[in-house]
PDB file of N, CA and C in Angstrom:
ATOM      1  N   UNK A   1     -55.643  79.801 -21.390  1.00  0.00           N
ATOM      2  CA  UNK A   1     -54.625  78.865 -21.771  1.00  0.00           C
ATOM      3  C   UNK A   1     -55.348  77.422 -21.899  1.00  0.00           C
ATOM      4  N   UNK A   2     -55.135  76.778 -23.021  1.00  0.00           N
ATOM      5  CA  UNK A   2     -55.761  75.451 -23.191  1.00  0.00           C
ATOM      6  C   UNK A   2     -55.290  74.453 -22.142  1.00  0.00           C
ATOM      7  N   UNK A   3     -56.141  73.467 -21.799  1.00  0.00           N
ATOM      8  CA  UNK A   3     -55.872  72.516 -20.770  1.00  0.00           C
ATOM      9  C   UNK A   3     -54.631  71.692 -21.072  1.00  0.00           C
ATOM     10  N   UNK A   4     -54.342  71.347 -22.383  1.00  0.00           N
ATOM     11  CA  UNK A   4     -53.326  70.569 -22.798  1.00  0.00           C
ATOM     12  C   UNK A   4     -51.950  71.255 -22.515  1.00  0.00           C
ATOM     13  N   UNK A   5     -52.033  72.519 -22.905  1.00  0.00           N
ATOM     14  CA  UNK A   5     -50.773  73.415 -22.734  1.00  0.00           C
ATOM     15  C   UNK A   5     -50.511  73.478 -21.276  1.00  0.00           C
ATOM     16  N   UNK A   6     -51.503  73.683 -20.494  1.00  0.00           N
ATOM     17  CA  UNK A   6     -51.246  73.937 -18.981  1.00  0.00           C
ATOM     18  C   UNK A   6     -50.680  72.621 -18.440  1.00  0.00           C
ATOM     19  N   UNK A   7     -51.205  71.493 -18.847  1.00  0.00           N
ATOM     20  CA  UNK A   7     -50.788  70.162 -18.397  1.00  0.00           C
ATOM     21  C   UNK A   7     -49.299  69.920 -18.789  1.00  0.00           C
ATOM     22  N   UNK A   8     -48.947  70.308 -19.979  1.00  0.00           N
ATOM     23  CA  UNK A   8     -47.560  70.197 -20.476  1.00  0.00           C
ATOM     24  C   UNK A   8     -46.651  71.041 -19.635  1.00  0.00           C
ATOM     25  N   UNK A   9     -47.083  72.230 -19.305  1.00  0.00           N
ATOM     26  CA  UNK A   9     -46.254  73.174 -18.455  1.00  0.00           C
ATOM     27  C   UNK A   9     -46.061  72.623 -17.029  1.00  0.00           C
ATOM     28  N   UNK A  10     -47.159  72.113 -16.518  1.00  0.00           N
ATOM     29  CA  UNK A  10     -47.078  71.520 -15.196  1.00  0.00           C
ATOM     30  C   UNK A  10     -46.214  70.217 -15.170  1.00  0.00           C
ATOM     31  N   UNK A  11     -46.238  69.473 -16.179  1.00  0.00           N
ATOM     32  CA  UNK A  11     -45.382  68.262 -16.267  1.00  0.00           C
ATOM     33  C   UNK A  11     -43.985  68.697 -16.361  1.00  0.00           C
ATOM     34  N   UNK A  12     -43.670  69.697 -17.197  1.00  0.00           N
ATOM     35  CA  UNK A  12     -42.255  70.261 -17.377  1.00  0.00           C
ATOM     36  C   UNK A  12     -41.783  70.806 -16.013  1.00  0.00           C
ATOM     37  N   UNK A  13     -42.577  71.576 -15.310  1.00  0.00           N
ATOM     38  CA  UNK A  13     -42.173  72.092 -14.053  1.00  0.00           C
ATOM     39  C   UNK A  13     -41.941  70.942 -13.049  1.00  0.00           C
ATOM     40  N   UNK A  14     -42.798  69.967 -13.028  1.00  0.00           N
ATOM     41  CA  UNK A  14     -42.579  68.856 -12.086  1.00  0.00           C
ATOM     42  C   UNK A  14     -41.297  68.060 -12.390  1.00  0.00           C
ATOM     43  N   UNK A  15     -41.016  67.912 -13.640  1.00  0.00           N
ATOM     44  CA  UNK A  15     -39.808  67.269 -14.023  1.00  0.00           C
ATOM     45  C   UNK A  15     -38.600  68.128 -13.639  1.00  0.00           C
ATOM     46  N   UNK A  16     -38.664  69.437 -13.809  1.00  0.00           N
ATOM     47  CA  UNK A  16     -37.533  70.284 -13.353  1.00  0.00           C
ATOM     48  C   UNK A  16     -37.309  70.162 -11.913  1.00  0.00           C
ATOM     49  N   UNK A  17     -38.431  70.165 -11.101  1.00  0.00           N
ATOM     50  CA  UNK A  17     -38.309  70.027  -9.590  1.00  0.00           C
ATOM     51  C   UNK A  17     -37.709  68.694  -9.258  1.00  0.00           C
ATOM     52  N   UNK A  18     -38.108  67.566  -9.914  1.00  0.00           N
ATOM     53  CA  UNK A  18     -37.559  66.325  -9.665  1.00  0.00           C
ATOM     54  C   UNK A  18     -36.049  66.244  -9.906  1.00  0.00           C
ATOM     55  N   UNK A  19     -35.693  66.828 -11.036  1.00  0.00           N
ATOM     56  CA  UNK A  19     -34.217  66.869 -11.397  1.00  0.00           C
ATOM     57  C   UNK A  19     -33.379  67.602 -10.400  1.00  0.00           C
ATOM     58  N   UNK A  20     -33.915  68.851 -10.061  1.00  0.00           N
ATOM     59  CA  UNK A  20     -33.228  69.701  -9.051  1.00  0.00           C
ATOM     60  C   UNK A  20     -33.311  69.000  -7.651  1.00  0.00           C
ATOM     61  N   UNK A  21     -34.309  68.224  -7.348  1.00  0.00           N
ATOM     62  CA  UNK A  21     -34.354  67.567  -6.048  1.00  0.00           C
ATOM     63  C   UNK A  21     -33.240  66.478  -6.053  1.00  0.00           C
ATOM     64  N   UNK A  22     -33.110  65.783  -7.110  1.00  0.00           N
ATOM     65  CA  UNK A  22     -32.007  64.753  -7.156  1.00  0.00           C
ATOM     66  C   UNK A  22     -30.678  65.394  -6.984  1.00  0.00           C
ATOM     67  N   UNK A  23     -30.509  66.531  -7.710  1.00  0.00           N
ATOM     68  CA  UNK A  23     -29.157  67.280  -7.484  1.00  0.00           C
ATOM     69  C   UNK A  23     -29.012  67.653  -6.044  1.00  0.00           C
ATOM     70  N   UNK A  24     -30.062  68.240  -5.494  1.00  0.00           N
ATOM     71  CA  UNK A  24     -30.058  68.699  -4.095  1.00  0.00           C
ATOM     72  C   UNK A  24     -29.688  67.488  -3.189  1.00  0.00           C
ATOM     73  N   UNK A  25     -30.302  66.309  -3.448  1.00  0.00           N
ATOM     74  CA  UNK A  25     -30.088  65.118  -2.594  1.00  0.00           C
ATOM     75  C   UNK A  25     -28.594  64.754  -2.780  1.00  0.00           C
ATOM     76  N   UNK A  26     -27.985  64.681  -3.928  1.00  0.00           N
ATOM     77  CA  UNK A  26     -26.623  64.323  -4.170  1.00  0.00           C
ATOM     78  C   UNK A  26     -25.728  65.256  -3.494  1.00  0.00           C
ATOM     79  N   UNK A  27     -26.084  66.539  -3.305  1.00  0.00           N
ATOM     80  CA  UNK A  27     -25.243  67.550  -2.657  1.00  0.00           C
ATOM     81  C   UNK A  27     -25.510  67.652  -1.205  1.00  0.00           C
ATOM     82  N   UNK A  28     -26.423  66.738  -0.681  1.00  0.00           N
ATOM     83  CA  UNK A  28     -26.793  66.824   0.730  1.00  0.00           C
ATOM     84  C   UNK A  28     -27.283  68.179   1.231  1.00  0.00           C
ATOM     85  N   UNK A  29     -28.154  68.829   0.413  1.00  0.00           N
ATOM     86  CA  UNK A  29     -28.721  70.138   0.759  1.00  0.00           C
ATOM     87  C   UNK A  29     -29.817  70.067   1.785  1.00  0.00           C
ATOM     88  N   UNK A  30     -30.393  68.896   1.902  1.00  0.00           N
ATOM     89  CA  UNK A  30     -31.493  68.644   2.851  1.00  0.00           C
ATOM     90  C   UNK A  30     -32.698  69.479   2.527  1.00  0.00           C
ATOM     91  N   UNK A  31     -33.077  69.620   1.310  1.00  0.00           N
ATOM     92  CA  UNK A  31     -34.254  70.408   0.881  1.00  0.00           C
ATOM     93  C   UNK A  31     -35.257  69.387   0.341  1.00  0.00           C
ATOM     94  N   UNK A  32     -36.460  69.482   0.853  1.00  0.00           N
ATOM     95  CA  UNK A  32     -37.550  68.653   0.375  1.00  0.00           C
ATOM     96  C   UNK A  32     -38.058  69.273  -0.912  1.00  0.00           C
ATOM     97  N   UNK A  33     -38.996  68.566  -1.640  1.00  0.00           N
ATOM     98  CA  UNK A  33     -39.504  69.049  -2.886  1.00  0.00           C
ATOM     99  C   UNK A  33     -40.231  70.362  -2.666  1.00  0.00           C
ATOM    100  N   UNK A  34     -41.022  70.397  -1.682  1.00  0.00           N
ATOM    101  CA  UNK A  34     -41.861  71.644  -1.374  1.00  0.00           C
ATOM    102  C   UNK A  34     -40.962  72.841  -1.176  1.00  0.00           C
ATOM    103  N   UNK A  35     -39.900  72.747  -0.319  1.00  0.00           N
ATOM    104  CA  UNK A  35     -38.971  73.729  -0.061  1.00  0.00           C
ATOM    105  C   UNK A  35     -38.276  74.224  -1.318  1.00  0.00           C
ATOM    106  N   UNK A  36     -37.805  73.191  -2.120  1.00  0.00           N
ATOM    107  CA  UNK A  36     -37.116  73.411  -3.281  1.00  0.00           C
ATOM    108  C   UNK A  36     -37.994  74.203  -4.318  1.00  0.00           C
ATOM    109  N   UNK A  37     -39.331  73.869  -4.365  1.00  0.00           N
ATOM    110  CA  UNK A  37     -40.254  74.573  -5.192  1.00  0.00           C
ATOM    111  C   UNK A  37     -40.384  76.008  -4.789  1.00  0.00           C
ATOM    112  N   UNK A  38     -40.538  76.219  -3.438  1.00  0.00           N
ATOM    113  CA  UNK A  38     -40.636  77.610  -2.995  1.00  0.00           C
ATOM    114  C   UNK A  38     -39.319  78.403  -3.358  1.00  0.00           C
ATOM    115  N   UNK A  39     -38.180  77.849  -3.138  1.00  0.00           N
ATOM    116  CA  UNK A  39     -36.903  78.479  -3.521  1.00  0.00           C
ATOM    117  C   UNK A  39     -36.901  78.835  -5.044  1.00  0.00           C
ATOM    118  N   UNK A  40     -37.248  77.880  -5.834  1.00  0.00           N
ATOM    119  CA  UNK A  40     -37.307  78.091  -7.259  1.00  0.00           C
ATOM    120  C   UNK A  40     -38.182  79.199  -7.688  1.00  0.00           C
ATOM    121  N   UNK A  41     -39.405  79.264  -7.075  1.00  0.00           N
ATOM    122  CA  UNK A  41     -40.360  80.256  -7.334  1.00  0.00           C
ATOM    123  C   UNK A  41     -39.866  81.712  -6.937  1.00  0.00           C
ATOM    124  N   UNK A  42     -39.221  81.656  -5.777  1.00  0.00           N
ATOM    125  CA  UNK A  42     -38.585  82.981  -5.317  1.00  0.00           C
ATOM    126  C   UNK A  42     -37.532  83.535  -6.276  1.00  0.00           C
ATOM    127  N   UNK A  43     -36.709  82.584  -6.699  1.00  0.00           N
ATOM    128  CA  UNK A  43     -35.616  82.979  -7.662  1.00  0.00           C
ATOM    129  C   UNK A  43     -36.215  83.377  -8.979  1.00  0.00           C
ATOM    130  N   UNK A  44     -37.289  82.708  -9.474  1.00  0.00           N
ATOM    131  CA  UNK A  44     -37.986  83.070 -10.731  1.00  0.00           C
ATOM    132  C   UNK A  44     -38.589  84.509 -10.618  1.00  0.00           C
ATOM    133  N   UNK A  45     -38.879  84.922  -9.328  1.00  0.00           N
ATOM    134  CA  UNK A  45     -39.567  86.215  -9.093  1.00  0.00           C
ATOM    135  C   UNK A  45     -38.525  87.264  -8.716  1.00  0.00           C
ATOM    136  N   UNK A  46     -37.257  87.014  -8.927  1.00  0.00           N
ATOM    137  CA  UNK A  46     -36.227  88.024  -8.803  1.00  0.00           C
ATOM    138  C   UNK A  46     -35.416  88.023  -7.521  1.00  0.00           C
ATOM    139  N   UNK A  47     -35.580  87.059  -6.732  1.00  0.00           N
ATOM    140  CA  UNK A  47     -34.755  86.949  -5.468  1.00  0.00           C
ATOM    141  C   UNK A  47     -33.383  86.577  -5.825  1.00  0.00           C
ATOM    142  N   UNK A  48     -32.387  87.163  -5.266  1.00  0.00           N
ATOM    143  CA  UNK A  48     -31.040  86.862  -5.521  1.00  0.00           C
ATOM    144  C   UNK A  48     -30.738  85.526  -4.913  1.00  0.00           C
ATOM    145  N   UNK A  49     -30.255  84.542  -5.794  1.00  0.00           N
ATOM    146  CA  UNK A  49     -29.999  83.141  -5.295  1.00  0.00           C
ATOM    147  C   UNK A  49     -29.033  83.112  -4.156  1.00  0.00           C
ATOM    148  N   UNK A  50     -27.969  83.842  -4.269  1.00  0.00           N
ATOM    149  CA  UNK A  50     -26.929  83.796  -3.076  1.00  0.00           C
ATOM    150  C   UNK A  50     -27.548  84.335  -1.828  1.00  0.00           C
ATOM    151  N   UNK A  51     -28.342  85.410  -1.893  1.00  0.00           N
ATOM    152  CA  UNK A  51     -28.960  85.907  -0.698  1.00  0.00           C
ATOM    153  C   UNK A  51     -30.007  85.004  -0.146  1.00  0.00           C
ATOM    154  N   UNK A  52     -30.751  84.299  -1.060  1.00  0.00           N
ATOM    155  CA  UNK A  52     -31.677  83.265  -0.606  1.00  0.00           C
ATOM    156  C   UNK A  52     -30.890  82.098   0.151  1.00  0.00           C
ATOM    157  N   UNK A  53     -29.792  81.628  -0.486  1.00  0.00           N
ATOM    158  CA  UNK A  53     -29.042  80.568   0.194  1.00  0.00           C
ATOM    159  C   UNK A  53     -28.565  81.005   1.533  1.00  0.00           C
ATOM    160  N   UNK A  54     -28.154  82.194   1.667  1.00  0.00           N
ATOM    161  CA  UNK A  54     -27.613  82.685   2.925  1.00  0.00           C
ATOM    162  C   UNK A  54     -28.703  82.728   3.931  1.00  0.00           C
ATOM    163  N   UNK A  55     -29.886  83.295   3.494  1.00  0.00           N
ATOM    164  CA  UNK A  55     -31.081  83.322   4.435  1.00  0.00           C
ATOM    165  C   UNK A  55     -31.544  81.996   4.766  1.00  0.00           C
ATOM    166  N   UNK A  56     -31.584  81.001   3.933  1.00  0.00           N
ATOM    167  CA  UNK A  56     -31.996  79.670   4.262  1.00  0.00           C
ATOM    168  C   UNK A  56     -31.009  79.083   5.300  1.00  0.00           C
ATOM    169  N   UNK A  57     -29.643  79.248   5.027  1.00  0.00           N
ATOM    170  CA  UNK A  57     -28.641  78.727   6.001  1.00  0.00           C
ATOM    171  C   UNK A  57     -28.910  79.382   7.374  1.00  0.00           C
ATOM    172  N   UNK A  58     -29.045  80.677   7.406  1.00  0.00           N
ATOM    173  CA  UNK A  58     -29.170  81.365   8.705  1.00  0.00           C
ATOM    174  C   UNK A  58     -30.442  80.963   9.436  1.00  0.00           C
ATOM    175  N   UNK A  59     -31.537  80.877   8.605  1.00  0.00           N
ATOM    176  CA  UNK A  59     -32.800  80.481   9.247  1.00  0.00           C
ATOM    177  C   UNK A  59     -32.831  78.945   9.634  1.00  0.00           C
ATOM    178  N   UNK A  60     -32.147  78.203   8.918  1.00  0.00           N
ATOM    179  CA  UNK A  60     -32.013  76.754   9.258  1.00  0.00           C
ATOM    180  C   UNK A  60     -31.236  76.624  10.642  1.00  0.00           C
ATOM    181  N   UNK A  61     -30.199  77.439  10.719  1.00  0.00           N
ATOM    182  CA  UNK A  61     -29.363  77.434  11.967  1.00  0.00           C
ATOM    183  C   UNK A  61     -30.352  77.824  13.178  1.00  0.00           C
ATOM    184  N   UNK A  62     -31.046  79.019  12.977  1.00  0.00           N
ATOM    185  CA  UNK A  62     -31.927  79.446  13.956  1.00  0.00           C
ATOM    186  C   UNK A  62     -33.036  78.436  14.416  1.00  0.00           C
ATOM    187  N   UNK A  63     -33.559  77.730  13.382  1.00  0.00           N
ATOM    188  CA  UNK A  63     -34.612  76.800  13.621  1.00  0.00           C
ATOM    189  C   UNK A  63     -34.093  75.627  14.290  1.00  0.00           C
ATOM    190  N   UNK A  64     -32.805  75.229  13.992  1.00  0.00           N
ATOM    191  CA  UNK A  64     -32.141  74.101  14.717  1.00  0.00           C
ATOM    192  C   UNK A  64     -31.971  74.390  16.128  1.00  0.00           C
ATOM    193  N   UNK A  65     -31.498  75.642  16.329  1.00  0.00           N
ATOM    194  CA  UNK A  65     -31.324  76.088  17.758  1.00  0.00           C
ATOM    195  C   UNK A  65     -32.540  76.073  18.524  1.00  0.00           C
ATOM    196  N   UNK A  66     -33.717  76.342  17.841  1.00  0.00           N
ATOM    197  CA  UNK A  66     -34.979  76.446  18.551  1.00  0.00           C
ATOM    198  C   UNK A  66     -35.659  74.991  18.573  1.00  0.00           C
ATOM    199  N   UNK A  67     -34.976  73.985  17.904  1.00  0.00           N
ATOM    200  CA  UNK A  67     -35.495  72.632  17.985  1.00  0.00           C
ATOM    201  C   UNK A  67     -36.634  72.319  16.970  1.00  0.00           C
ATOM    202  N   UNK A  68     -36.752  73.118  15.899  1.00  0.00           N
ATOM    203  CA  UNK A  68     -37.754  72.779  14.977  1.00  0.00           C
ATOM    204  C   UNK A  68     -37.325  71.588  14.072  1.00  0.00           C
ATOM    205  N   UNK A  69     -38.250  70.694  13.875  1.00  0.00           N
ATOM    206  CA  UNK A  69     -37.930  69.495  13.153  1.00  0.00           C
ATOM    207  C   UNK A  69     -37.689  69.650  11.606  1.00  0.00           C
ATOM    208  N   UNK A  70     -38.597  70.452  11.015  1.00  0.00           N
ATOM    209  CA  UNK A  70     -38.497  70.622   9.575  1.00  0.00           C
ATOM    210  C   UNK A  70     -37.909  72.008   9.313  1.00  0.00           C
ATOM    211  N   UNK A  71     -36.615  72.217   9.636  1.00  0.00           N
ATOM    212  CA  UNK A  71     -35.987  73.530   9.528  1.00  0.00           C
ATOM    213  C   UNK A  71     -35.936  74.098   8.112  1.00  0.00           C
ATOM    214  N   UNK A  72     -35.759  73.218   7.143  1.00  0.00           N
ATOM    215  CA  UNK A  72     -35.628  73.675   5.799  1.00  0.00           C
ATOM    216  C   UNK A  72     -36.950  74.389   5.333  1.00  0.00           C
ATOM    217  N   UNK A  73     -38.009  73.629   5.594  1.00  0.00           N
ATOM    218  CA  UNK A  73     -39.394  74.276   5.227  1.00  0.00           C
ATOM    219  C   UNK A  73     -39.622  75.538   5.980  1.00  0.00           C
ATOM    220  N   UNK A  74     -39.296  75.546   7.257  1.00  0.00           N
ATOM    221  CA  UNK A  74     -39.540  76.712   8.042  1.00  0.00           C
ATOM    222  C   UNK A  74     -38.631  77.888   7.586  1.00  0.00           C
ATOM    223  N   UNK A  75     -37.416  77.572   7.127  1.00  0.00           N
ATOM    224  CA  UNK A  75     -36.445  78.533   6.639  1.00  0.00           C
ATOM    225  C   UNK A  75     -37.003  79.151   5.344  1.00  0.00           C
ATOM    226  N   UNK A  76     -37.469  78.340   4.413  1.00  0.00           N
ATOM    227  CA  UNK A  76     -37.970  78.783   3.184  1.00  0.00           C
ATOM    228  C   UNK A  76     -39.244  79.590   3.311  1.00  0.00           C
ATOM    229  N   UNK A  77     -40.145  79.183   4.243  1.00  0.00           N
ATOM    230  CA  UNK A  77     -41.366  79.912   4.489  1.00  0.00           C
ATOM    231  C   UNK A  77     -41.031  81.311   5.115  1.00  0.00           C
ATOM    232  N   UNK A  78     -40.071  81.363   6.008  1.00  0.00           N
ATOM    233  CA  UNK A  78     -39.623  82.605   6.598  1.00  0.00           C
ATOM    234  C   UNK A  78     -38.970  83.507   5.588  1.00  0.00           C
ATOM    235  N   UNK A  79     -38.190  82.954   4.743  1.00  0.00           N
ATOM    236  CA  UNK A  79     -37.485  83.700   3.678  1.00  0.00           C
ATOM    237  C   UNK A  79     -38.572  84.276   2.692  1.00  0.00           C
ATOM    238  N   UNK A  80     -39.579  83.529   2.463  1.00  0.00           N
ATOM    239  CA  UNK A  80     -40.632  84.014   1.554  1.00  0.00           C
ATOM    240  C   UNK A  80     -41.352  85.155   2.245  1.00  0.00           C
ATOM    241  N   UNK A  81     -41.575  85.105   3.525  1.00  0.00           N
ATOM    242  CA  UNK A  81     -42.274  86.177   4.214  1.00  0.00           C
ATOM    243  C   UNK A  81     -41.431  87.414   4.328  1.00  0.00           C
ATOM    244  N   UNK A  82     -40.103  87.296   4.294  1.00  0.00           N
ATOM    245  CA  UNK A  82     -39.184  88.443   4.327  1.00  0.00           C
ATOM    246  C   UNK A  82     -39.224  89.245   3.104  1.00  0.00           C
ATOM    247  N   UNK A  83     -39.531  88.550   1.982  1.00  0.00           N
ATOM    248  CA  UNK A  83     -39.535  89.196   0.632  1.00  0.00           C
ATOM    249  C   UNK A  83     -40.701  89.993   0.476  1.00  0.00           C
TER     250      UNK A  83
END
């Protein structure tokens, strides 16, 4: 793949993550860009979005109960490992 084409795809992906992060922020989802990128990647690879949302909520609750500071990232990483 030519360098220009790869750069364009990376720029488009970054713009999509930026837009989705803004929406996430407006909806108070408390997802950072890294976590959001992981979730997007999982959905693109066939993970059911509703199941992913449920897993993130459950893992976030468990992480909160255990006192983890960055629960969203921990939840997304744990969900990725489950897959």
